[in-house]
Structures are given as C-alpha cells and as structure tokens.
Amino acid sequence: MMRIFIFLLCMYILPSCGNKEEIPAGILKPEIMQAVLWDVIRADAFTTDFIARDTSKNAGEENIKLQQQVFAIHKVTKGDFYKSYDYYKDNPTRFKELMDTMIKRVELADKTKPIIEN
C-alpha cells in the first residue's frame, strides 16, 4: 500500500517540476507572435486611417482581407493566431514580455532608418 501511495505521490509531483517557461504546443512562439501581431496592428491602423475614409469600401471586409494576407505571409492560420493571442492575453507576464520586446524592436528599427530632409 505504501508503494502505491509513493508512486501516486511521485506521479502528482513530477509534472509540477516541468519547465514552466515552455510555451504549450499549438501556441505561436514569441518571435513569430510578435511579427504577426505587429502586422495585424498595422493592418488595423491602415484600415482605420485610410480605408474607413473611402466610402466606396466596407472597412470591416477590407480589414478581414488584410488580416488574411498577414496570416498567409507568416504562414499561420487565423485560428492559430487567435488561440495564441488568447493564451498570451491570459498570461499577463508573457503578454507584457511579448509587447515590450515587440515595442523595443520597432523603436530600434525606427532609429536605424535614415532621416530624410526636404
């Protein structure tokens, strides 16, 4: 009886010793998620700033088309992206790391762009 108890105790404790830093299967890795999320944000901004002003176009439909293009470029599905987005959103520490790193990369890229003088 004691052996069974020890075995069950080990089976209960061992999974908790796993790597908590590991991203679950089916979730986009942070680097990929940052790239896709950044392009989705840019597509939304483009829709808001330009397409929504064009009365001959449906902004919602155009935004969906742009997002589909983003997913195709990055070779991810809409489902994979939103599943990953929900995962990161439900894990505030990971989401903050994701957003902070993405913002730093964008800021760094902006600093390396040449300044154009008129």
Protein backbone atom coordinates (compact mmCIF):
# COMPACT_ATOMS: atom_id res chain seq x y z
CA MET A 1 0.00 0.00 0.00
CA MET A 2 2.84 2.35 0.83
CA ARG A 3 4.43 1.75 -2.58
CA ILE A 4 1.21 2.69 -4.33
CA PHE A 5 0.98 5.86 -2.24
CA ILE A 6 4.59 6.82 -3.05
CA PHE A 7 4.03 6.05 -6.74
CA LEU A 8 0.89 8.22 -6.86
CA LEU A 9 2.64 10.98 -4.96
CA CYS A 10 5.52 10.94 -7.47
CA MET A 11 3.09 10.97 -10.38
CA TYR A 12 1.43 14.03 -8.86
CA ILE A 13 4.65 15.92 -8.09
CA LEU A 14 6.69 15.20 -11.23
CA PRO A 15 4.55 17.24 -13.67
CA SER A 16 4.94 20.28 -11.45
CA CYS A 17 8.72 20.03 -11.84
CA GLY A 18 8.48 20.65 -15.58
CA ASN A 19 9.74 23.74 -17.37
CA LYS A 20 7.18 26.46 -16.70
CA GLU A 21 8.86 28.69 -19.27
CA GLU A 22 7.91 26.35 -22.09
CA ILE A 23 5.22 27.54 -24.48
CA PRO A 24 2.44 24.93 -24.88
CA ALA A 25 2.09 23.05 -28.15
CA GLY A 26 -0.09 24.84 -30.68
CA ILE A 27 0.87 28.30 -29.41
CA LEU A 28 2.97 30.57 -31.62
CA LYS A 29 6.46 31.20 -30.27
CA PRO A 30 7.02 34.78 -29.03
CA GLU A 31 9.15 35.84 -32.02
CA ILE A 32 6.55 34.64 -34.53
CA MET A 33 3.66 36.04 -32.49
CA GLN A 34 5.38 39.44 -32.33
CA ALA A 35 5.81 39.57 -36.10
CA VAL A 36 2.23 38.52 -36.82
CA LEU A 37 0.74 40.76 -34.13
CA TRP A 38 2.73 43.76 -35.37
CA ASP A 39 1.44 43.24 -38.92
CA VAL A 40 -2.14 42.77 -37.68
CA ILE A 41 -1.85 46.05 -35.74
CA ARG A 42 -0.51 47.77 -38.86
CA ALA A 43 -3.36 46.34 -40.95
CA ASP A 44 -5.89 47.66 -38.43
CA ALA A 45 -4.24 51.08 -38.44
CA PHE A 46 -4.27 51.15 -42.25
CA THR A 47 -7.95 50.25 -42.24
CA THR A 48 -8.76 52.94 -39.70
CA ASP A 49 -6.62 55.67 -41.25
CA PHE A 50 -7.24 55.10 -44.96
CA ILE A 51 -9.83 52.51 -45.93
CA ALA A 52 -12.51 53.71 -43.50
CA ARG A 53 -12.40 57.12 -45.19
CA ASP A 54 -13.19 55.58 -48.57
CA THR A 55 -16.98 55.43 -48.68
CA SER A 56 -16.92 53.00 -51.60
CA LYS A 57 -15.32 50.29 -49.44
CA ASN A 58 -16.51 48.28 -46.48
CA ALA A 59 -13.82 48.80 -43.85
CA GLY A 60 -14.66 45.59 -41.99
CA GLU A 61 -14.39 43.41 -45.09
CA GLU A 62 -11.17 45.11 -46.17
CA ASN A 63 -9.67 44.59 -42.71
CA ILE A 64 -10.50 40.88 -42.88
CA LYS A 65 -8.79 40.67 -46.27
CA LEU A 66 -5.70 42.41 -44.92
CA GLN A 67 -5.57 40.08 -41.93
CA GLN A 68 -5.85 37.06 -44.23
CA GLN A 69 -2.90 38.40 -46.20
CA VAL A 70 -0.90 38.84 -42.99
CA PHE A 71 -1.64 35.25 -41.93
CA ALA A 72 -0.66 33.97 -45.38
CA ILE A 73 2.62 35.91 -45.33
CA HIS A 74 3.53 34.46 -41.94
CA LYS A 75 2.16 31.00 -42.79
CA VAL A 76 -0.17 30.84 -39.80
CA THR A 77 -3.90 30.32 -39.63
CA LYS A 78 -6.38 32.74 -38.18
CA GLY A 79 -7.23 30.09 -35.59
CA ASP A 80 -3.59 29.63 -34.58
CA PHE A 81 -3.14 33.38 -34.21
CA TYR A 82 -6.23 33.96 -32.08
CA LYS A 83 -5.58 30.84 -29.97
CA SER A 84 -2.07 32.17 -29.32
CA TYR A 85 -3.36 35.69 -28.70
CA ASP A 86 -5.81 34.35 -26.10
CA TYR A 87 -3.00 32.36 -24.46
CA TYR A 88 -0.72 35.39 -24.17
CA LYS A 89 -3.58 37.62 -23.05
CA ASP A 90 -4.47 35.12 -20.31
CA ASN A 91 -0.82 35.08 -19.14
CA PRO A 92 -0.10 38.73 -18.29
CA THR A 93 3.61 38.26 -17.62
CA ARG A 94 4.17 36.60 -21.01
CA PHE A 95 1.97 39.18 -22.75
CA LYS A 96 3.94 42.04 -21.20
CA GLU A 97 7.24 40.45 -22.27
CA LEU A 98 5.84 39.92 -25.77
CA MET A 99 4.65 43.52 -26.11
CA ASP A 100 7.76 45.07 -24.53
CA THR A 101 10.08 43.16 -26.84
CA MET A 102 7.94 43.99 -29.86
CA ILE A 103 7.95 47.69 -29.00
CA LYS A 104 11.73 47.70 -28.46
CA ARG A 105 12.26 46.06 -31.84
CA VAL A 106 10.07 48.66 -33.54
CA GLU A 107 11.83 51.51 -31.76
CA LEU A 108 15.22 50.10 -32.74
CA ALA A 109 14.11 49.74 -36.36
CA ASP A 110 12.88 53.36 -36.35
CA LYS A 111 16.25 54.58 -35.07
CA THR A 112 18.11 52.84 -37.87
CA LYS A 113 16.01 54.47 -40.59
CA PRO A 114 17.72 57.38 -42.32
CA ILE A 115 16.26 60.81 -41.71
CA ILE A 116 15.03 62.31 -44.95
CA GLU A 117 15.50 66.05 -45.28
CA ASN A 118 13.43 68.12 -47.69
